[in-house]
Amino acid sequence: MKRTVRVLRRARRDLQEIYDFTLREVPVRAGGLLDGLLAAVESLATMGDRVARPRDQILRASGYRFLVHEGYLIFYKVVGRQVRVHRVLHGRRAYRDVL
């Protein structure tokens, strides 16, 4: 089943911050990284149910799932016919505190 993917405001800000940081640190990589993250987000329209659930019981009980792309975790929830992307965070970040 194909679902609609909705990137919530906070996740859009995360993507902008990732792009801005990468643009400052490794300019030649910024566009490709953002394109890859956006493609991963769009892939959730058809594969949202097949992606990992967090080991953390609180996040799992809240309905979160996540997709890994180049060291970043794309946290989302499947709600009916929609995938809602909540955050895009670096894998080394203490993500439980910000979800």
PDB file of N, CA and C in Angstrom:
ATOM      1  N   MET A   1       0.845  -1.169   0.000  1.00  0.00           N
ATOM      2  CA  MET A   1       0.000   0.000   0.000  1.00  0.00           C
ATOM      3  C   MET A   1       0.900   1.244   0.000  1.00  0.00           C
ATOM      4  N   LYS A   2       0.582   2.184  -0.843  1.00  0.00           N
ATOM      5  CA  LYS A   2       1.324   3.439  -0.894  1.00  0.00           C
ATOM      6  C   LYS A   2       0.654   4.453   0.030  1.00  0.00           C
ATOM      7  N   ARG A   3       1.478   5.100   0.825  1.00  0.00           N
ATOM      8  CA  ARG A   3       0.984   6.093   1.774  1.00  0.00           C
ATOM      9  C   ARG A   3       1.492   7.483   1.388  1.00  0.00           C
ATOM     10  N   THR A   4       0.840   8.479   1.926  1.00  0.00           N
ATOM     11  CA  THR A   4       1.288   9.855   1.792  1.00  0.00           C
ATOM     12  C   THR A   4       2.359  10.100   2.851  1.00  0.00           C
ATOM     13  N   VAL A   5       3.432  10.757   2.469  1.00  0.00           N
ATOM     14  CA  VAL A   5       4.494  11.090   3.424  1.00  0.00           C
ATOM     15  C   VAL A   5       4.378  12.563   3.769  1.00  0.00           C
ATOM     16  N   ARG A   6       4.298  12.839   5.058  1.00  0.00           N
ATOM     17  CA  ARG A   6       4.212  14.217   5.533  1.00  0.00           C
ATOM     18  C   ARG A   6       5.416  14.489   6.433  1.00  0.00           C
ATOM     19  N   VAL A   7       6.224  15.449   6.054  1.00  0.00           N
ATOM     20  CA  VAL A   7       7.391  15.837   6.844  1.00  0.00           C
ATOM     21  C   VAL A   7       6.962  16.984   7.751  1.00  0.00           C
ATOM     22  N   LEU A   8       6.942  16.718   9.036  1.00  0.00           N
ATOM     23  CA  LEU A   8       6.484  17.720   9.992  1.00  0.00           C
ATOM     24  C   LEU A   8       7.495  18.857  10.124  1.00  0.00           C
ATOM     25  N   ARG A   9       7.026  19.976  10.631  1.00  0.00           N
ATOM     26  CA  ARG A   9       7.832  21.204  10.703  1.00  0.00           C
ATOM     27  C   ARG A   9       9.195  20.971  11.368  1.00  0.00           C
ATOM     28  N   ARG A  10       9.223  20.257  12.481  1.00  0.00           N
ATOM     29  CA  ARG A  10      10.495  20.038  13.190  1.00  0.00           C
ATOM     30  C   ARG A  10      11.452  19.219  12.321  1.00  0.00           C
ATOM     31  N   ALA A  11      10.942  18.240  11.614  1.00  0.00           N
ATOM     32  CA  ALA A  11      11.796  17.423  10.727  1.00  0.00           C
ATOM     33  C   ALA A  11      12.318  18.268   9.566  1.00  0.00           C
ATOM     34  N   ARG A  12      11.506  19.185   9.058  1.00  0.00           N
ATOM     35  CA  ARG A  12      11.982  20.088   7.995  1.00  0.00           C
ATOM     36  C   ARG A  12      13.120  20.959   8.506  1.00  0.00           C
ATOM     37  N   ARG A  13      12.987  21.433   9.742  1.00  0.00           N
ATOM     38  CA  ARG A  13      14.075  22.225  10.344  1.00  0.00           C
ATOM     39  C   ARG A  13      15.326  21.369  10.529  1.00  0.00           C
ATOM     40  N   ASP A  14      15.138  20.125  10.947  1.00  0.00           N
ATOM     41  CA  ASP A  14      16.280  19.216  11.088  1.00  0.00           C
ATOM     42  C   ASP A  14      17.019  19.087   9.760  1.00  0.00           C
ATOM     43  N   LEU A  15      16.273  18.874   8.685  1.00  0.00           N
ATOM     44  CA  LEU A  15      16.894  18.724   7.362  1.00  0.00           C
ATOM     45  C   LEU A  15      17.645  19.993   6.959  1.00  0.00           C
ATOM     46  N   GLN A  16      17.068  21.150   7.243  1.00  0.00           N
ATOM     47  CA  GLN A  16      17.734  22.412   6.920  1.00  0.00           C
ATOM     48  C   GLN A  16      19.022  22.564   7.730  1.00  0.00           C
ATOM     49  N   GLU A  17      18.962  22.210   9.005  1.00  0.00           N
ATOM     50  CA  GLU A  17      20.151  22.306   9.864  1.00  0.00           C
ATOM     51  C   GLU A  17      21.244  21.346   9.399  1.00  0.00           C
ATOM     52  N   ILE A  18      20.865  20.146   9.000  1.00  0.00           N
ATOM     53  CA  ILE A  18      21.830  19.170   8.488  1.00  0.00           C
ATOM     54  C   ILE A  18      22.482  19.719   7.225  1.00  0.00           C
ATOM     55  N   TYR A  19      21.673  20.269   6.339  1.00  0.00           N
ATOM     56  CA  TYR A  19      22.206  20.841   5.096  1.00  0.00           C
ATOM     57  C   TYR A  19      23.149  22.007   5.395  1.00  0.00           C
ATOM     58  N   ASP A  20      22.722  22.922   6.252  1.00  0.00           N
ATOM     59  CA  ASP A  20      23.544  24.092   6.577  1.00  0.00           C
ATOM     60  C   ASP A  20      24.877  23.685   7.195  1.00  0.00           C
ATOM     61  N   PHE A  21      24.839  22.744   8.139  1.00  0.00           N
ATOM     62  CA  PHE A  21      26.063  22.280   8.786  1.00  0.00           C
ATOM     63  C   PHE A  21      26.996  21.628   7.768  1.00  0.00           C
ATOM     64  N   THR A  22      26.451  20.755   6.947  1.00  0.00           N
ATOM     65  CA  THR A  22      27.281  20.064   5.958  1.00  0.00           C
ATOM     66  C   THR A  22      27.825  21.045   4.933  1.00  0.00           C
ATOM     67  N   LEU A  23      27.055  22.041   4.572  1.00  0.00           N
ATOM     68  CA  LEU A  23      27.502  23.064   3.628  1.00  0.00           C
ATOM     69  C   LEU A  23      28.710  23.826   4.185  1.00  0.00           C
ATOM     70  N   ARG A  24      28.690  24.100   5.486  1.00  0.00           N
ATOM     71  CA  ARG A  24      29.821  24.781   6.118  1.00  0.00           C
ATOM     72  C   ARG A  24      31.045  23.875   6.228  1.00  0.00           C
ATOM     73  N   GLU A  25      30.821  22.604   6.598  1.00  0.00           N
ATOM     74  CA  GLU A  25      31.924  21.700   6.895  1.00  0.00           C
ATOM     75  C   GLU A  25      32.486  20.995   5.657  1.00  0.00           C
ATOM     76  N   VAL A  26      31.613  20.507   4.792  1.00  0.00           N
ATOM     77  CA  VAL A  26      32.025  19.767   3.590  1.00  0.00           C
ATOM     78  C   VAL A  26      31.095  20.178   2.440  1.00  0.00           C
ATOM     79  N   PRO A  27      31.320  21.353   1.875  1.00  0.00           N
ATOM     80  CA  PRO A  27      30.381  21.918   0.897  1.00  0.00           C
ATOM     81  C   PRO A  27      30.035  20.989  -0.277  1.00  0.00           C
ATOM     82  N   VAL A  28      30.998  20.231  -0.764  1.00  0.00           N
ATOM     83  CA  VAL A  28      30.716  19.380  -1.928  1.00  0.00           C
ATOM     84  C   VAL A  28      29.782  18.224  -1.592  1.00  0.00           C
ATOM     85  N   ARG A  29      29.608  17.938  -0.322  1.00  0.00           N
ATOM     86  CA  ARG A  29      28.759  16.811   0.088  1.00  0.00           C
ATOM     87  C   ARG A  29      27.330  17.234   0.435  1.00  0.00           C
ATOM     88  N   ALA A  30      27.103  18.495   0.688  1.00  0.00           N
ATOM     89  CA  ALA A  30      25.833  18.976   1.235  1.00  0.00           C
ATOM     90  C   ALA A  30      24.631  18.617   0.363  1.00  0.00           C
ATOM     91  N   GLY A  31      24.696  18.936  -0.920  1.00  0.00           N
ATOM     92  CA  GLY A  31      23.562  18.672  -1.800  1.00  0.00           C
ATOM     93  C   GLY A  31      23.252  17.190  -1.923  1.00  0.00           C
ATOM     94  N   GLY A  32      24.275  16.381  -2.062  1.00  0.00           N
ATOM     95  CA  GLY A  32      24.074  14.934  -2.193  1.00  0.00           C
ATOM     96  C   GLY A  32      23.498  14.313  -0.938  1.00  0.00           C
ATOM     97  N   LEU A  33      23.966  14.767   0.220  1.00  0.00           N
ATOM     98  CA  LEU A  33      23.443  14.243   1.479  1.00  0.00           C
ATOM     99  C   LEU A  33      21.973  14.591   1.625  1.00  0.00           C
ATOM    100  N   LEU A  34      21.621  15.845   1.354  1.00  0.00           N
ATOM    101  CA  LEU A  34      20.222  16.251   1.457  1.00  0.00           C
ATOM    102  C   LEU A  34      19.355  15.480   0.469  1.00  0.00           C
ATOM    103  N   ASP A  35      19.819  15.334  -0.767  1.00  0.00           N
ATOM    104  CA  ASP A  35      19.065  14.568  -1.761  1.00  0.00           C
ATOM    105  C   ASP A  35      18.842  13.135  -1.293  1.00  0.00           C
ATOM    106  N   GLY A  36      19.883  12.533  -0.723  1.00  0.00           N
ATOM    107  CA  GLY A  36      19.767  11.163  -0.229  1.00  0.00           C
ATOM    108  C   GLY A  36      18.778  11.043   0.916  1.00  0.00           C
ATOM    109  N   LEU A  37      18.814  11.996   1.845  1.00  0.00           N
ATOM    110  CA  LEU A  37      17.865  11.983   2.961  1.00  0.00           C
ATOM    111  C   LEU A  37      16.433  12.148   2.464  1.00  0.00           C
ATOM    112  N   LEU A  38      16.239  13.059   1.522  1.00  0.00           N
ATOM    113  CA  LEU A  38      14.888  13.271   0.981  1.00  0.00           C
ATOM    114  C   LEU A  38      14.390  12.032   0.230  1.00  0.00           C
ATOM    115  N   ALA A  39      15.277  11.359  -0.499  1.00  0.00           N
ATOM    116  CA  ALA A  39      14.892  10.123  -1.192  1.00  0.00           C
ATOM    117  C   ALA A  39      14.527   9.040  -0.176  1.00  0.00           C
ATOM    118  N   ALA A  40      15.277   8.961   0.920  1.00  0.00           N
ATOM    119  CA  ALA A  40      14.964   7.987   1.964  1.00  0.00           C
ATOM    120  C   ALA A  40      13.599   8.286   2.579  1.00  0.00           C
ATOM    121  N   VAL A  41      13.322   9.565   2.822  1.00  0.00           N
ATOM    122  CA  VAL A  41      12.023   9.962   3.365  1.00  0.00           C
ATOM    123  C   VAL A  41      10.908   9.560   2.400  1.00  0.00           C
ATOM    124  N   GLU A  42      11.082   9.843   1.131  1.00  0.00           N
ATOM    125  CA  GLU A  42      10.052   9.496   0.133  1.00  0.00           C
ATOM    126  C   GLU A  42       9.852   7.989   0.013  1.00  0.00           C
ATOM    127  N   SER A  43      10.913   7.209   0.256  1.00  0.00           N
ATOM    128  CA  SER A  43      10.787   5.752   0.164  1.00  0.00           C
ATOM    129  C   SER A  43       9.825   5.199   1.214  1.00  0.00           C
ATOM    130  N   LEU A  44       9.573   5.970   2.255  1.00  0.00           N
ATOM    131  CA  LEU A  44       8.655   5.525   3.304  1.00  0.00           C
ATOM    132  C   LEU A  44       7.223   5.387   2.795  1.00  0.00           C
ATOM    133  N   ALA A  45       6.916   6.011   1.674  1.00  0.00           N
ATOM    134  CA  ALA A  45       5.566   5.907   1.100  1.00  0.00           C
ATOM    135  C   ALA A  45       5.229   4.460   0.775  1.00  0.00           C
ATOM    136  N   THR A  46       6.225   3.675   0.412  1.00  0.00           N
ATOM    137  CA  THR A  46       5.964   2.283   0.042  1.00  0.00           C
ATOM    138  C   THR A  46       6.566   1.271   1.002  1.00  0.00           C
ATOM    139  N   MET A  47       7.473   1.697   1.873  1.00  0.00           N
ATOM    140  CA  MET A  47       8.106   0.720   2.759  1.00  0.00           C
ATOM    141  C   MET A  47       8.041   1.091   4.232  1.00  0.00           C
ATOM    142  N   GLY A  48       7.150   1.952   4.601  1.00  0.00           N
ATOM    143  CA  GLY A  48       7.053   2.417   5.978  1.00  0.00           C
ATOM    144  C   GLY A  48       6.824   1.331   7.009  1.00  0.00           C
ATOM    145  N   ASP A  49       6.113   0.274   6.632  1.00  0.00           N
ATOM    146  CA  ASP A  49       5.835  -0.810   7.574  1.00  0.00           C
ATOM    147  C   ASP A  49       7.002  -1.770   7.735  1.00  0.00           C
ATOM    148  N   ARG A  50       7.945  -1.752   6.823  1.00  0.00           N
ATOM    149  CA  ARG A  50       9.019  -2.741   6.847  1.00  0.00           C
ATOM    150  C   ARG A  50      10.290  -2.254   7.523  1.00  0.00           C
ATOM    151  N   VAL A  51      10.263  -1.108   8.111  1.00  0.00           N
ATOM    152  CA  VAL A  51      11.461  -0.506   8.683  1.00  0.00           C
ATOM    153  C   VAL A  51      11.501  -0.779  10.186  1.00  0.00           C
ATOM    154  N   ALA A  52      12.694  -0.664  10.779  1.00  0.00           N
ATOM    155  CA  ALA A  52      12.936  -1.035  12.173  1.00  0.00           C
ATOM    156  C   ALA A  52      12.131  -0.217  13.176  1.00  0.00           C
ATOM    157  N   ARG A  53      11.829  -0.880  14.264  1.00  0.00           N
ATOM    158  CA  ARG A  53      11.248  -0.202  15.420  1.00  0.00           C
ATOM    159  C   ARG A  53      12.370  -0.005  16.437  1.00  0.00           C
ATOM    160  N   PRO A  54      12.322   1.084  17.203  1.00  0.00           N
ATOM    161  CA  PRO A  54      13.377   1.321  18.191  1.00  0.00           C
ATOM    162  C   PRO A  54      13.395   0.230  19.268  1.00  0.00           C
ATOM    163  N   ARG A  55      14.569  -0.044  19.802  1.00  0.00           N
ATOM    164  CA  ARG A  55      14.672  -0.978  20.930  1.00  0.00           C
ATOM    165  C   ARG A  55      14.116  -0.349  22.194  1.00  0.00           C
ATOM    166  N   ASP A  56      14.252   0.961  22.286  1.00  0.00           N
ATOM    167  CA  ASP A  56      13.756   1.695  23.444  1.00  0.00           C
ATOM    168  C   ASP A  56      12.248   1.476  23.570  1.00  0.00           C
ATOM    169  N   GLN A  57      11.825   0.926  24.700  1.00  0.00           N
ATOM    170  CA  GLN A  57      10.418   0.561  24.884  1.00  0.00           C
ATOM    171  C   GLN A  57       9.478   1.758  24.888  1.00  0.00           C
ATOM    172  N   ILE A  58       9.937   2.894  25.395  1.00  0.00           N
ATOM    173  CA  ILE A  58       9.091   4.081  25.425  1.00  0.00           C
ATOM    174  C   ILE A  58       8.837   4.579  24.001  1.00  0.00           C
ATOM    175  N   LEU A  59       9.897   4.651  23.192  1.00  0.00           N
ATOM    176  CA  LEU A  59       9.729   5.091  21.804  1.00  0.00           C
ATOM    177  C   LEU A  59       8.888   4.085  21.025  1.00  0.00           C
ATOM    178  N   ARG A  60       9.121   2.804  21.254  1.00  0.00           N
ATOM    179  CA  ARG A  60       8.340   1.764  20.574  1.00  0.00           C
ATOM    180  C   ARG A  60       6.870   1.870  20.949  1.00  0.00           C
ATOM    181  N   ALA A  61       6.592   2.052  22.223  1.00  0.00           N
ATOM    182  CA  ALA A  61       5.204   2.174  22.683  1.00  0.00           C
ATOM    183  C   ALA A  61       4.534   3.427  22.130  1.00  0.00           C
ATOM    184  N   SER A  62       5.328   4.457  21.835  1.00  0.00           N
ATOM    185  CA  SER A  62       4.784   5.689  21.253  1.00  0.00           C
ATOM    186  C   SER A  62       4.511   5.549  19.761  1.00  0.00           C
ATOM    187  N   GLY A  63       4.909   4.421  19.174  1.00  0.00           N
ATOM    188  CA  GLY A  63       4.625   4.180  17.769  1.00  0.00           C
ATOM    189  C   GLY A  63       5.716   4.601  16.803  1.00  0.00           C
ATOM    190  N   TYR A  64       6.871   4.994  17.323  1.00  0.00           N
ATOM    191  CA  TYR A  64       7.955   5.417  16.440  1.00  0.00           C
ATOM    192  C   TYR A  64       8.586   4.244  15.702  1.00  0.00           C
ATOM    193  N   ARG A  65       9.011   4.534  14.498  1.00  0.00           N
ATOM    194  CA  ARG A  65       9.862   3.669  13.698  1.00  0.00           C
ATOM    195  C   ARG A  65      11.006   4.549  13.225  1.00  0.00           C
ATOM    196  N   PHE A  66      12.055   3.934  12.681  1.00  0.00           N
ATOM    197  CA  PHE A  66      13.136   4.758  12.156  1.00  0.00           C
ATOM    198  C   PHE A  66      13.805   4.076  10.979  1.00  0.00           C
ATOM    199  N   LEU A  67      14.330   4.916  10.116  1.00  0.00           N
ATOM    200  CA  LEU A  67      15.081   4.500   8.944  1.00  0.00           C
ATOM    201  C   LEU A  67      16.453   5.130   9.057  1.00  0.00           C
ATOM    202  N   VAL A  68      17.497   4.365   8.775  1.00  0.00           N
ATOM    203  CA  VAL A  68      18.868   4.866   8.858  1.00  0.00           C
ATOM    204  C   VAL A  68      19.344   5.226   7.460  1.00  0.00           C
ATOM    205  N   HIS A  69      19.930   6.415   7.344  1.00  0.00           N
ATOM    206  CA  HIS A  69      20.537   6.841   6.077  1.00  0.00           C
ATOM    207  C   HIS A  69      21.806   7.623   6.383  1.00  0.00           C
ATOM    208  N   GLU A  70      22.941   7.079   5.990  1.00  0.00           N
ATOM    209  CA  GLU A  70      24.250   7.726   6.143  1.00  0.00           C
ATOM    210  C   GLU A  70      24.488   8.297   7.542  1.00  0.00           C
ATOM    211  N   GLY A  71      24.193   7.501   8.549  1.00  0.00           N
ATOM    212  CA  GLY A  71      24.444   7.938   9.923  1.00  0.00           C
ATOM    213  C   GLY A  71      23.334   8.764  10.545  1.00  0.00           C
ATOM    214  N   TYR A  72      22.289   9.051   9.793  1.00  0.00           N
ATOM    215  CA  TYR A  72      21.153   9.810  10.305  1.00  0.00           C
ATOM    216  C   TYR A  72      19.973   8.878  10.521  1.00  0.00           C
ATOM    217  N   LEU A  73      19.182   9.183  11.532  1.00  0.00           N
ATOM    218  CA  LEU A  73      17.990   8.399  11.846  1.00  0.00           C
ATOM    219  C   LEU A  73      16.765   9.241  11.504  1.00  0.00           C
ATOM    220  N   ILE A  74      15.914   8.691  10.685  1.00  0.00           N
ATOM    221  CA  ILE A  74      14.675   9.362  10.282  1.00  0.00           C
ATOM    222  C   ILE A  74      13.564   8.732  11.116  1.00  0.00           C
ATOM    223  N   PHE A  75      13.065   9.469  12.113  1.00  0.00           N
ATOM    224  CA  PHE A  75      12.024   8.962  13.002  1.00  0.00           C
ATOM    225  C   PHE A  75      10.653   9.341  12.459  1.00  0.00           C
ATOM    226  N   TYR A  76       9.777   8.369  12.413  1.00  0.00           N
ATOM    227  CA  TYR A  76       8.446   8.604  11.859  1.00  0.00           C
ATOM    228  C   TYR A  76       7.431   7.684  12.512  1.00  0.00           C
ATOM    229  N   LYS A  77       6.166   7.980  12.255  1.00  0.00           N
ATOM    230  CA  LYS A  77       5.051   7.142  12.694  1.00  0.00           C
ATOM    231  C   LYS A  77       4.147   6.895  11.500  1.00  0.00           C
ATOM    232  N   VAL A  78       3.590   5.706  11.450  1.00  0.00           N
ATOM    233  CA  VAL A  78       2.595   5.380  10.435  1.00  0.00           C
ATOM    234  C   VAL A  78       1.235   5.594  11.086  1.00  0.00           C
ATOM    235  N   VAL A  79       0.443   6.490  10.477  1.00  0.00           N
ATOM    236  CA  VAL A  79      -0.878   6.817  11.003  1.00  0.00           C
ATOM    237  C   VAL A  79      -1.872   6.636   9.863  1.00  0.00           C
ATOM    238  N   GLY A  80      -2.545   5.512   9.864  1.00  0.00           N
ATOM    239  CA  GLY A  80      -3.489   5.219   8.783  1.00  0.00           C
ATOM    240  C   GLY A  80      -2.782   5.156   7.444  1.00  0.00           C
ATOM    241  N   ARG A  81      -3.201   5.985   6.527  1.00  0.00           N
ATOM    242  CA  ARG A  81      -2.616   6.008   5.179  1.00  0.00           C
ATOM    243  C   ARG A  81      -1.532   7.072   5.041  1.00  0.00           C
ATOM    244  N   GLN A  82      -1.009   7.509   6.183  1.00  0.00           N
ATOM    245  CA  GLN A  82      -0.007   8.570   6.156  1.00  0.00           C
ATOM    246  C   GLN A  82       1.219   8.172   6.980  1.00  0.00           C
ATOM    247  N   VAL A  83       2.388   8.576   6.490  1.00  0.00           N
ATOM    248  CA  VAL A  83       3.636   8.454   7.236  1.00  0.00           C
ATOM    249  C   VAL A  83       4.001   9.866   7.666  1.00  0.00           C
ATOM    250  N   ARG A  84       4.177  10.049   8.969  1.00  0.00           N
ATOM    251  CA  ARG A  84       4.520  11.369   9.499  1.00  0.00           C
ATOM    252  C   ARG A  84       5.961  11.340  10.003  1.00  0.00           C
ATOM    253  N   VAL A  85       6.817  12.085   9.344  1.00  0.00           N
ATOM    254  CA  VAL A  85       8.223  12.164   9.730  1.00  0.00           C
ATOM    255  C   VAL A  85       8.341  13.225  10.818  1.00  0.00           C
ATOM    256  N   HIS A  86       8.794  12.788  11.994  1.00  0.00           N
ATOM    257  CA  HIS A  86       8.869  13.686  13.148  1.00  0.00           C
ATOM    258  C   HIS A  86      10.229  14.348  13.306  1.00  0.00           C
ATOM    259  N   ARG A  87      11.300  13.587  13.137  1.00  0.00           N
ATOM    260  CA  ARG A  87      12.646  14.130  13.322  1.00  0.00           C
ATOM    261  C   ARG A  87      13.617  13.430  12.388  1.00  0.00           C
ATOM    262  N   VAL A  88      14.707  14.127  12.061  1.00  0.00           N
ATOM    263  CA  VAL A  88      15.843  13.567  11.336  1.00  0.00           C
ATOM    264  C   VAL A  88      17.064  13.958  12.156  1.00  0.00           C
ATOM    265  N   LEU A  89      17.682  12.971  12.808  1.00  0.00           N
ATOM    266  CA  LEU A  89      18.738  13.243  13.777  1.00  0.00           C
ATOM    267  C   LEU A  89      19.973  12.403  13.491  1.00  0.00           C
ATOM    268  N   HIS A  90      21.115  12.927  13.853  1.00  0.00           N
ATOM    269  CA  HIS A  90      22.345  12.152  13.712  1.00  0.00           C
ATOM    270  C   HIS A  90      22.288  10.976  14.683  1.00  0.00           C
ATOM    271  N   GLY A  91      22.788   9.827  14.263  1.00  0.00           N
ATOM    272  CA  GLY A  91      22.716   8.626  15.062  1.00  0.00           C
ATOM    273  C   GLY A  91      23.445   8.694  16.394  1.00  0.00           C
ATOM    274  N   ARG A  92      24.410   9.587  16.522  1.00  0.00           N
ATOM    275  CA  ARG A  92      25.142   9.719  17.794  1.00  0.00           C
ATOM    276  C   ARG A  92      24.440  10.630  18.790  1.00  0.00           C
ATOM    277  N   ARG A  93      23.386  11.247  18.367  1.00  0.00           N
ATOM    278  CA  ARG A  93      22.678  12.183  19.244  1.00  0.00           C
ATOM    279  C   ARG A  93      21.803  11.406  20.233  1.00  0.00           C
ATOM    280  N   ALA A  94      21.622  11.954  21.416  1.00  0.00           N
ATOM    281  CA  ALA A  94      20.742  11.360  22.421  1.00  0.00           C
ATOM    282  C   ALA A  94      19.297  11.640  22.003  1.00  0.00           C
ATOM    283  N   TYR A  95      18.808  10.860  21.071  1.00  0.00           N
ATOM    284  CA  TYR A  95      17.533  11.174  20.419  1.00  0.00           C
ATOM    285  C   TYR A  95      16.315  10.976  21.312  1.00  0.00           C
ATOM    286  N   ARG A  96      16.390  10.137  22.300  1.00  0.00           N
ATOM    287  CA  ARG A  96      15.208   9.897  23.130  1.00  0.00           C
ATOM    288  C   ARG A  96      14.741  11.173  23.807  1.00  0.00           C
ATOM    289  N   ASP A  97      15.672  12.037  24.160  1.00  0.00           N
ATOM    290  CA  ASP A  97      15.318  13.276  24.856  1.00  0.00           C
ATOM    291  C   ASP A  97      14.678  14.315  23.947  1.00  0.00           C
ATOM    292  N   VAL A  98      14.806  14.178  22.637  1.00  0.00           N
ATOM    293  CA  VAL A  98      14.278  15.207  21.730  1.00  0.00           C
ATOM    294  C   VAL A  98      13.063  14.750  20.938  1.00  0.00           C
ATOM    295  N   LEU A  99      12.647  13.522  21.126  1.00  0.00           N
ATOM    296  CA  LEU A  99      11.454  13.058  20.398  1.00  0.00           C
ATOM    297  C   LEU A  99      10.183  13.348  21.148  1.00  0.00           C
TER     298      LEU A  99
END
